[in-house]
């Protein structure tokens, strides 16, 4: 799986949130289906393999690089996937 291509596809066709605050809200609301975390995320809690039974993918790049992949002009330390859209980030059952 090409993670960069799948992230872009999820952003275009699904529903994602950017940043730690949105990730924490999604955890409280139990709406998160997947976290994609930059390897320099300031919150080590999100660098685990699963966070409260939510799968986590560690992006092998910095938050600056992840922001660039997302088409943002700012650093993105974490992406919360609510709906993957047409991407294959979450395995279909």
PDB file of N, CA and C in Angstrom:
ATOM      1  N   UNK A   1       0.857  -1.181   0.000  1.00  0.00           N
ATOM      2  CA  UNK A   1       0.000   0.000   0.000  1.00  0.00           C
ATOM      3  C   UNK A   1       0.901   1.241   0.000  1.00  0.00           C
ATOM      4  N   UNK A   2       0.638   2.158  -0.898  1.00  0.00           N
ATOM      5  CA  UNK A   2       1.341   3.437  -0.944  1.00  0.00           C
ATOM      6  C   UNK A   2       0.612   4.393  -0.004  1.00  0.00           C
ATOM      7  N   UNK A   3       1.188   4.610   1.159  1.00  0.00           N
ATOM      8  CA  UNK A   3       0.513   5.373   2.210  1.00  0.00           C
ATOM      9  C   UNK A   3       0.221   6.803   1.778  1.00  0.00           C
ATOM     10  N   UNK A   4       1.122   7.434   1.038  1.00  0.00           N
ATOM     11  CA  UNK A   4       0.918   8.815   0.607  1.00  0.00           C
ATOM     12  C   UNK A   4      -0.296   8.899  -0.317  1.00  0.00           C
ATOM     13  N   UNK A   5      -0.368   7.994  -1.273  1.00  0.00           N
ATOM     14  CA  UNK A   5      -1.503   7.986  -2.208  1.00  0.00           C
ATOM     15  C   UNK A   5      -2.811   7.721  -1.475  1.00  0.00           C
ATOM     16  N   UNK A   6      -2.798   6.811  -0.523  1.00  0.00           N
ATOM     17  CA  UNK A   6      -4.015   6.467   0.215  1.00  0.00           C
ATOM     18  C   UNK A   6      -4.459   7.604   1.136  1.00  0.00           C
ATOM     19  N   UNK A   7      -3.501   8.326   1.715  1.00  0.00           N
ATOM     20  CA  UNK A   7      -3.859   9.490   2.535  1.00  0.00           C
ATOM     21  C   UNK A   7      -4.545  10.537   1.669  1.00  0.00           C
ATOM     22  N   UNK A   8      -3.960  10.808   0.504  1.00  0.00           N
ATOM     23  CA  UNK A   8      -4.556  11.790  -0.406  1.00  0.00           C
ATOM     24  C   UNK A   8      -5.952  11.366  -0.849  1.00  0.00           C
ATOM     25  N   UNK A   9      -6.118  10.084  -1.123  1.00  0.00           N
ATOM     26  CA  UNK A   9      -7.428   9.581  -1.542  1.00  0.00           C
ATOM     27  C   UNK A   9      -8.451   9.711  -0.416  1.00  0.00           C
ATOM     28  N   UNK A  10      -8.037   9.436   0.821  1.00  0.00           N
ATOM     29  CA  UNK A  10      -8.944   9.571   1.966  1.00  0.00           C
ATOM     30  C   UNK A  10      -9.353  11.027   2.166  1.00  0.00           C
ATOM     31  N   UNK A  11      -8.417  11.952   1.980  1.00  0.00           N
ATOM     32  CA  UNK A  11      -8.727  13.374   2.130  1.00  0.00           C
ATOM     33  C   UNK A  11      -9.716  13.817   1.054  1.00  0.00           C
ATOM     34  N   UNK A  12      -9.525  13.329  -0.173  1.00  0.00           N
ATOM     35  CA  UNK A  12     -10.383  13.721  -1.290  1.00  0.00           C
ATOM     36  C   UNK A  12     -11.775  13.101  -1.224  1.00  0.00           C
ATOM     37  N   UNK A  13     -11.870  11.842  -0.798  1.00  0.00           N
ATOM     38  CA  UNK A  13     -13.142  11.128  -0.900  1.00  0.00           C
ATOM     39  C   UNK A  13     -13.788  10.789   0.434  1.00  0.00           C
ATOM     40  N   UNK A  14     -13.066  10.926   1.523  1.00  0.00           N
ATOM     41  CA  UNK A  14     -13.601  10.540   2.826  1.00  0.00           C
ATOM     42  C   UNK A  14     -13.742  11.730   3.747  1.00  0.00           C
ATOM     43  N   UNK A  15     -13.659  11.444   5.035  1.00  0.00           N
ATOM     44  CA  UNK A  15     -13.766  12.493   6.048  1.00  0.00           C
ATOM     45  C   UNK A  15     -12.609  12.314   7.024  1.00  0.00           C
ATOM     46  N   UNK A  16     -11.749  13.329   7.087  1.00  0.00           N
ATOM     47  CA  UNK A  16     -10.599  13.289   7.983  1.00  0.00           C
ATOM     48  C   UNK A  16     -10.491  14.602   8.746  1.00  0.00           C
ATOM     49  N   UNK A  17      -9.866  14.530   9.908  1.00  0.00           N
ATOM     50  CA  UNK A  17      -9.582  15.716  10.714  1.00  0.00           C
ATOM     51  C   UNK A  17      -8.077  15.810  10.890  1.00  0.00           C
ATOM     52  N   UNK A  18      -7.597  17.026  11.106  1.00  0.00           N
ATOM     53  CA  UNK A  18      -6.175  17.269  11.279  1.00  0.00           C
ATOM     54  C   UNK A  18      -5.909  17.814  12.677  1.00  0.00           C
ATOM     55  N   UNK A  19      -4.848  17.315  13.326  1.00  0.00           N
ATOM     56  CA  UNK A  19      -4.393  17.874  14.587  1.00  0.00           C
ATOM     57  C   UNK A  19      -4.768  17.073  15.819  1.00  0.00           C
ATOM     58  N   UNK A  20      -4.031  17.350  16.891  1.00  0.00           N
ATOM     59  CA  UNK A  20      -4.214  16.638  18.158  1.00  0.00           C
ATOM     60  C   UNK A  20      -5.559  16.940  18.811  1.00  0.00           C
ATOM     61  N   UNK A  21      -5.994  18.185  18.762  1.00  0.00           N
ATOM     62  CA  UNK A  21      -7.273  18.526  19.397  1.00  0.00           C
ATOM     63  C   UNK A  21      -8.420  17.745  18.769  1.00  0.00           C
ATOM     64  N   UNK A  22      -8.444  17.675  17.452  1.00  0.00           N
ATOM     65  CA  UNK A  22      -9.489  16.922  16.766  1.00  0.00           C
ATOM     66  C   UNK A  22      -9.381  15.428  17.070  1.00  0.00           C
ATOM     67  N   UNK A  23      -8.153  14.922  17.188  1.00  0.00           N
ATOM     68  CA  UNK A  23      -7.962  13.504  17.518  1.00  0.00           C
ATOM     69  C   UNK A  23      -8.527  13.195  18.902  1.00  0.00           C
ATOM     70  N   UNK A  24      -8.256  14.067  19.845  1.00  0.00           N
ATOM     71  CA  UNK A  24      -8.771  13.859  21.212  1.00  0.00           C
ATOM     72  C   UNK A  24     -10.303  13.919  21.239  1.00  0.00           C
ATOM     73  N   UNK A  25     -10.884  14.864  20.500  1.00  0.00           N
ATOM     74  CA  UNK A  25     -12.352  14.950  20.424  1.00  0.00           C
ATOM     75  C   UNK A  25     -12.939  13.679  19.814  1.00  0.00           C
ATOM     76  N   UNK A  26     -12.300  13.176  18.772  1.00  0.00           N
ATOM     77  CA  UNK A  26     -12.780  11.960  18.114  1.00  0.00           C
ATOM     78  C   UNK A  26     -12.680  10.751  19.037  1.00  0.00           C
ATOM     79  N   UNK A  27     -11.662  10.728  19.894  1.00  0.00           N
ATOM     80  CA  UNK A  27     -11.561   9.649  20.880  1.00  0.00           C
ATOM     81  C   UNK A  27     -12.709   9.722  21.879  1.00  0.00           C
ATOM     82  N   UNK A  28     -12.996  10.939  22.356  1.00  0.00           N
ATOM     83  CA  UNK A  28     -14.092  11.099  23.317  1.00  0.00           C
ATOM     84  C   UNK A  28     -15.439  10.732  22.685  1.00  0.00           C
ATOM     85  N   UNK A  29     -15.627  11.115  21.425  1.00  0.00           N
ATOM     86  CA  UNK A  29     -16.896  10.853  20.737  1.00  0.00           C
ATOM     87  C   UNK A  29     -16.975   9.458  20.129  1.00  0.00           C
ATOM     88  N   UNK A  30     -15.857   8.734  20.172  1.00  0.00           N
ATOM     89  CA  UNK A  30     -15.768   7.381  19.608  1.00  0.00           C
ATOM     90  C   UNK A  30     -16.108   7.357  18.118  1.00  0.00           C
ATOM     91  N   UNK A  31     -15.628   8.376  17.384  1.00  0.00           N
ATOM     92  CA  UNK A  31     -15.871   8.431  15.939  1.00  0.00           C
ATOM     93  C   UNK A  31     -14.634   8.085  15.123  1.00  0.00           C
ATOM     94  N   UNK A  32     -13.465   8.037  15.744  1.00  0.00           N
ATOM     95  CA  UNK A  32     -12.228   7.761  15.015  1.00  0.00           C
ATOM     96  C   UNK A  32     -12.165   6.300  14.593  1.00  0.00           C
ATOM     97  N   UNK A  33     -11.780   6.077  13.342  1.00  0.00           N
ATOM     98  CA  UNK A  33     -11.589   4.723  12.836  1.00  0.00           C
ATOM     99  C   UNK A  33     -10.105   4.397  12.650  1.00  0.00           C
ATOM    100  N   UNK A  34      -9.280   5.441  12.513  1.00  0.00           N
ATOM    101  CA  UNK A  34      -7.852   5.253  12.289  1.00  0.00           C
ATOM    102  C   UNK A  34      -7.119   6.560  12.583  1.00  0.00           C
ATOM    103  N   UNK A  35      -5.916   6.432  13.137  1.00  0.00           N
ATOM    104  CA  UNK A  35      -5.035   7.575  13.310  1.00  0.00           C
ATOM    105  C   UNK A  35      -3.801   7.374  12.441  1.00  0.00           C
ATOM    106  N   UNK A  36      -3.375   8.440  11.781  1.00  0.00           N
ATOM    107  CA  UNK A  36      -2.099   8.447  11.070  1.00  0.00           C
ATOM    108  C   UNK A  36      -1.256   9.500  11.766  1.00  0.00           C
ATOM    109  N   UNK A  37      -0.141   9.071  12.342  1.00  0.00           N
ATOM    110  CA  UNK A  37       0.638   9.919  13.244  1.00  0.00           C
ATOM    111  C   UNK A  37       2.040  10.139  12.683  1.00  0.00           C
ATOM    112  N   UNK A  38       2.473  11.385  12.627  1.00  0.00           N
ATOM    113  CA  UNK A  38       3.851  11.696  12.226  1.00  0.00           C
ATOM    114  C   UNK A  38       4.809  11.156  13.279  1.00  0.00           C
ATOM    115  N   UNK A  39       5.992  10.753  12.836  1.00  0.00           N
ATOM    116  CA  UNK A  39       6.915  10.133  13.793  1.00  0.00           C
ATOM    117  C   UNK A  39       7.493  11.114  14.808  1.00  0.00           C
ATOM    118  N   UNK A  40       7.216  12.408  14.662  1.00  0.00           N
ATOM    119  CA  UNK A  40       7.659  13.377  15.669  1.00  0.00           C
ATOM    120  C   UNK A  40       6.465  14.012  16.391  1.00  0.00           C
ATOM    121  N   UNK A  41       5.372  13.286  16.465  1.00  0.00           N
ATOM    122  CA  UNK A  41       4.172  13.778  17.152  1.00  0.00           C
ATOM    123  C   UNK A  41       4.529  14.117  18.603  1.00  0.00           C
ATOM    124  N   UNK A  42       4.114  15.289  19.084  1.00  0.00           N
ATOM    125  CA  UNK A  42       4.491  15.688  20.446  1.00  0.00           C
ATOM    126  C   UNK A  42       3.795  14.891  21.548  1.00  0.00           C
ATOM    127  N   UNK A  43       2.736  14.160  21.219  1.00  0.00           N
ATOM    128  CA  UNK A  43       2.012  13.392  22.235  1.00  0.00           C
ATOM    129  C   UNK A  43       2.338  11.908  22.069  1.00  0.00           C
ATOM    130  N   UNK A  44       3.172  11.339  22.950  1.00  0.00           N
ATOM    131  CA  UNK A  44       3.580   9.937  22.803  1.00  0.00           C
ATOM    132  C   UNK A  44       2.419   8.953  22.904  1.00  0.00           C
ATOM    133  N   UNK A  45       1.301   9.372  23.487  1.00  0.00           N
ATOM    134  CA  UNK A  45       0.128   8.507  23.595  1.00  0.00           C
ATOM    135  C   UNK A  45      -0.334   8.046  22.213  1.00  0.00           C
ATOM    136  N   UNK A  46      -0.240   8.927  21.230  1.00  0.00           N
ATOM    137  CA  UNK A  46      -0.695   8.599  19.889  1.00  0.00           C
ATOM    138  C   UNK A  46       0.350   7.846  19.077  1.00  0.00           C
ATOM    139  N   UNK A  47       1.522   7.606  19.635  1.00  0.00           N
ATOM    140  CA  UNK A  47       2.550   6.848  18.929  1.00  0.00           C
ATOM    141  C   UNK A  47       2.473   5.356  19.244  1.00  0.00           C
ATOM    142  N   UNK A  48       1.411   4.921  19.870  1.00  0.00           N
ATOM    143  CA  UNK A  48       1.214   3.511  20.158  1.00  0.00           C
ATOM    144  C   UNK A  48       0.589   2.826  18.946  1.00  0.00           C
ATOM    145  N   UNK A  49       0.586   1.499  18.946  1.00  0.00           N
ATOM    146  CA  UNK A  49      -0.030   0.778  17.832  1.00  0.00           C
ATOM    147  C   UNK A  49      -1.539   0.928  17.831  1.00  0.00           C
ATOM    148  N   UNK A  50      -2.146   0.953  18.985  1.00  0.00           N
ATOM    149  CA  UNK A  50      -3.588   1.201  19.065  1.00  0.00           C
ATOM    150  C   UNK A  50      -3.856   2.142  20.226  1.00  0.00           C
ATOM    151  N   UNK A  51      -4.803   3.010  20.031  1.00  0.00           N
ATOM    152  CA  UNK A  51      -5.212   3.949  21.060  1.00  0.00           C
ATOM    153  C   UNK A  51      -6.686   3.678  21.312  1.00  0.00           C
ATOM    154  N   UNK A  52      -6.977   3.078  22.461  1.00  0.00           N
ATOM    155  CA  UNK A  52      -8.364   2.725  22.791  1.00  0.00           C
ATOM    156  C   UNK A  52      -9.032   1.969  21.648  1.00  0.00           C
ATOM    157  N   UNK A  53      -8.361   0.934  21.161  1.00  0.00           N
ATOM    158  CA  UNK A  53      -8.859   0.058  20.109  1.00  0.00           C
ATOM    159  C   UNK A  53      -9.021   0.743  18.757  1.00  0.00           C
ATOM    160  N   UNK A  54      -8.356   1.872  18.555  1.00  0.00           N
ATOM    161  CA  UNK A  54      -8.338   2.537  17.258  1.00  0.00           C
ATOM    162  C   UNK A  54      -6.972   2.264  16.637  1.00  0.00           C
ATOM    163  N   UNK A  55      -6.931   1.640  15.451  1.00  0.00           N
ATOM    164  CA  UNK A  55      -5.633   1.360  14.830  1.00  0.00           C
ATOM    165  C   UNK A  55      -4.857   2.651  14.551  1.00  0.00           C
ATOM    166  N   UNK A  56      -3.541   2.540  14.594  1.00  0.00           N
ATOM    167  CA  UNK A  56      -2.672   3.681  14.362  1.00  0.00           C
ATOM    168  C   UNK A  56      -1.604   3.311  13.344  1.00  0.00           C
ATOM    169  N   UNK A  57      -1.391   4.190  12.379  1.00  0.00           N
ATOM    170  CA  UNK A  57      -0.302   4.040  11.421  1.00  0.00           C
ATOM    171  C   UNK A  57       0.703   5.135  11.725  1.00  0.00           C
ATOM    172  N   UNK A  58       1.960   4.748  11.912  1.00  0.00           N
ATOM    173  CA  UNK A  58       3.017   5.733  12.132  1.00  0.00           C
ATOM    174  C   UNK A  58       3.564   6.137  10.762  1.00  0.00           C
ATOM    175  N   UNK A  59       3.377   7.395  10.418  1.00  0.00           N
ATOM    176  CA  UNK A  59       3.884   7.943   9.161  1.00  0.00           C
ATOM    177  C   UNK A  59       5.379   8.145   9.310  1.00  0.00           C
ATOM    178  N   UNK A  60       6.154   7.563   8.410  1.00  0.00           N
ATOM    179  CA  UNK A  60       7.609   7.636   8.506  1.00  0.00           C
ATOM    180  C   UNK A  60       8.120   8.954   7.936  1.00  0.00           C
ATOM    181  N   UNK A  61       7.735  10.019   8.580  1.00  0.00           N
ATOM    182  CA  UNK A  61       8.154  11.362   8.204  1.00  0.00           C
ATOM    183  C   UNK A  61       7.733  12.318   9.296  1.00  0.00           C
ATOM    184  N   UNK A  62       8.164  13.544   9.161  1.00  0.00           N
ATOM    185  CA  UNK A  62       7.867  14.557  10.170  1.00  0.00           C
ATOM    186  C   UNK A  62       6.475  15.134   9.966  1.00  0.00           C
ATOM    187  N   UNK A  63       6.052  15.930  10.916  1.00  0.00           N
ATOM    188  CA  UNK A  63       4.748  16.585  10.805  1.00  0.00           C
ATOM    189  C   UNK A  63       4.741  17.584   9.652  1.00  0.00           C
ATOM    190  N   UNK A  64       5.883  18.150   9.326  1.00  0.00           N
ATOM    191  CA  UNK A  64       5.983  19.045   8.171  1.00  0.00           C
ATOM    192  C   UNK A  64       5.738  18.261   6.884  1.00  0.00           C
ATOM    193  N   UNK A  65       6.328  17.088   6.787  1.00  0.00           N
ATOM    194  CA  UNK A  65       6.143  16.236   5.605  1.00  0.00           C
ATOM    195  C   UNK A  65       4.709  15.729   5.512  1.00  0.00           C
ATOM    196  N   UNK A  66       4.115  15.381   6.640  1.00  0.00           N
ATOM    197  CA  UNK A  66       2.728  14.923   6.633  1.00  0.00           C
ATOM    198  C   UNK A  66       1.791  16.060   6.215  1.00  0.00           C
ATOM    199  N   UNK A  67       2.063  17.261   6.685  1.00  0.00           N
ATOM    200  CA  UNK A  67       1.278  18.418   6.264  1.00  0.00           C
ATOM    201  C   UNK A  67       1.362  18.631   4.765  1.00  0.00           C
ATOM    202  N   UNK A  68       2.542  18.452   4.210  1.00  0.00           N
ATOM    203  CA  UNK A  68       2.744  18.605   2.776  1.00  0.00           C
ATOM    204  C   UNK A  68       1.961  17.551   1.995  1.00  0.00           C
ATOM    205  N   UNK A  69       1.972  16.317   2.474  1.00  0.00           N
ATOM    206  CA  UNK A  69       1.205  15.241   1.836  1.00  0.00           C
ATOM    207  C   UNK A  69      -0.280  15.591   1.820  1.00  0.00           C
ATOM    208  N   UNK A  70      -0.744  16.227   2.885  1.00  0.00           N
ATOM    209  CA  UNK A  70      -2.156  16.592   3.013  1.00  0.00           C
ATOM    210  C   UNK A  70      -2.506  17.848   2.218  1.00  0.00           C
ATOM    211  N   UNK A  71      -1.509  18.493   1.634  1.00  0.00           N
ATOM    212  CA  UNK A  71      -1.760  19.720   0.898  1.00  0.00           C
ATOM    213  C   UNK A  71      -1.956  20.926   1.797  1.00  0.00           C
ATOM    214  N   UNK A  72      -1.453  20.845   3.004  1.00  0.00           N
ATOM    215  CA  UNK A  72      -1.585  21.933   3.973  1.00  0.00           C
ATOM    216  C   UNK A  72      -0.282  22.721   4.042  1.00  0.00           C
ATOM    217  N   UNK A  73      -0.395  23.989   4.320  1.00  0.00           N
ATOM    218  CA  UNK A  73       0.771  24.849   4.435  1.00  0.00           C
ATOM    219  C   UNK A  73       1.230  24.953   5.896  1.00  0.00           C
ATOM    220  N   UNK A  74       0.863  23.968   6.700  1.00  0.00           N
ATOM    221  CA  UNK A  74       1.250  23.946   8.106  1.00  0.00           C
ATOM    222  C   UNK A  74       1.554  22.510   8.504  1.00  0.00           C
ATOM    223  N   UNK A  75       2.197  22.345   9.641  1.00  0.00           N
ATOM    224  CA  UNK A  75       2.529  21.006  10.138  1.00  0.00           C
ATOM    225  C   UNK A  75       1.268  20.283  10.563  1.00  0.00           C
ATOM    226  N   UNK A  76       1.214  18.978  10.265  1.00  0.00           N
ATOM    227  CA  UNK A  76       0.109  18.122  10.699  1.00  0.00           C
ATOM    228  C   UNK A  76       0.734  16.951  11.439  1.00  0.00           C
ATOM    229  N   UNK A  77       0.529  16.889  12.751  1.00  0.00           N
ATOM    230  CA  UNK A  77       1.143  15.820  13.532  1.00  0.00           C
ATOM    231  C   UNK A  77       0.289  14.562  13.553  1.00  0.00           C
ATOM    232  N   UNK A  78      -1.016  14.715  13.322  1.00  0.00           N
ATOM    233  CA  UNK A  78      -1.901  13.552  13.347  1.00  0.00           C
ATOM    234  C   UNK A  78      -3.118  13.792  12.452  1.00  0.00           C
ATOM    235  N   UNK A  79      -3.484  12.749  11.747  1.00  0.00           N
ATOM    236  CA  UNK A  79      -4.700  12.755  10.936  1.00  0.00           C
ATOM    237  C   UNK A  79      -5.646  11.746  11.566  1.00  0.00           C
ATOM    238  N   UNK A  80      -6.884  12.149  11.774  1.00  0.00           N
ATOM    239  CA  UNK A  80      -7.909  11.250  12.282  1.00  0.00           C
ATOM    240  C   UNK A  80      -8.833  10.909  11.127  1.00  0.00           C
ATOM    241  N   UNK A  81      -8.915   9.633  10.812  1.00  0.00           N
ATOM    242  CA  UNK A  81      -9.790   9.181   9.730  1.00  0.00           C
ATOM    243  C   UNK A  81     -11.132   8.784  10.338  1.00  0.00           C
ATOM    244  N   UNK A  82     -12.178   9.485   9.910  1.00  0.00           N
ATOM    245  CA  UNK A  82     -13.536   9.176  10.343  1.00  0.00           C
ATOM    246  C   UNK A  82     -14.198   8.271   9.310  1.00  0.00           C
ATOM    247  N   UNK A  83     -13.997   8.614   8.033  1.00  0.00           N
ATOM    248  CA  UNK A  83     -14.510   7.827   6.909  1.00  0.00           C
ATOM    249  C   UNK A  83     -13.389   7.749   5.880  1.00  0.00           C
ATOM    250  N   UNK A  84     -12.899   6.546   5.549  1.00  0.00           N
ATOM    251  CA  UNK A  84     -11.778   6.441   4.626  1.00  0.00           C
ATOM    252  C   UNK A  84     -12.136   6.715   3.170  1.00  0.00           C
ATOM    253  N   UNK A  85     -13.411   6.852   2.868  1.00  0.00           N
ATOM    254  CA  UNK A  85     -13.805   7.090   1.488  1.00  0.00           C
ATOM    255  C   UNK A  85     -13.392   5.930   0.606  1.00  0.00           C
ATOM    256  N   UNK A  86     -12.771   6.233  -0.523  1.00  0.00           N
ATOM    257  CA  UNK A  86     -12.346   5.198  -1.464  1.00  0.00           C
ATOM    258  C   UNK A  86     -10.938   4.689  -1.194  1.00  0.00           C
ATOM    259  N   UNK A  87     -10.302   5.165  -0.145  1.00  0.00           N
ATOM    260  CA  UNK A  87      -8.942   4.718   0.167  1.00  0.00           C
ATOM    261  C   UNK A  87      -8.984   3.322   0.791  1.00  0.00           C
ATOM    262  N   UNK A  88      -7.832   2.687   0.786  1.00  0.00           N
ATOM    263  CA  UNK A  88      -7.719   1.359   1.404  1.00  0.00           C
ATOM    264  C   UNK A  88      -6.945   1.433   2.713  1.00  0.00           C
ATOM    265  N   UNK A  89      -7.040   2.583   3.400  1.00  0.00           N
ATOM    266  CA  UNK A  89      -6.356   2.733   4.687  1.00  0.00           C
ATOM    267  C   UNK A  89      -6.905   1.774   5.726  1.00  0.00           C
ATOM    268  N   UNK A  90      -8.201   1.560   5.690  1.00  0.00           N
ATOM    269  CA  UNK A  90      -8.839   0.629   6.618  1.00  0.00           C
ATOM    270  C   UNK A  90      -9.244  -0.584   5.803  1.00  0.00           C
ATOM    271  N   UNK A  91      -8.811  -1.746   6.261  1.00  0.00           N
ATOM    272  CA  UNK A  91      -9.117  -2.972   5.513  1.00  0.00           C
ATOM    273  C   UNK A  91     -10.605  -3.227   5.483  1.00  0.00           C
ATOM    274  N   UNK A  92     -11.102  -3.455   4.286  1.00  0.00           N
ATOM    275  CA  UNK A  92     -12.521  -3.766   4.110  1.00  0.00           C
ATOM    276  C   UNK A  92     -12.778  -5.186   4.566  1.00  0.00           C
ATOM    277  N   UNK A  93     -13.895  -5.375   5.214  1.00  0.00           N
ATOM    278  CA  UNK A  93     -14.238  -6.721   5.706  1.00  0.00           C
ATOM    279  C   UNK A  93     -15.248  -7.365   4.796  1.00  0.00           C
TER     280      UNK A  93
END
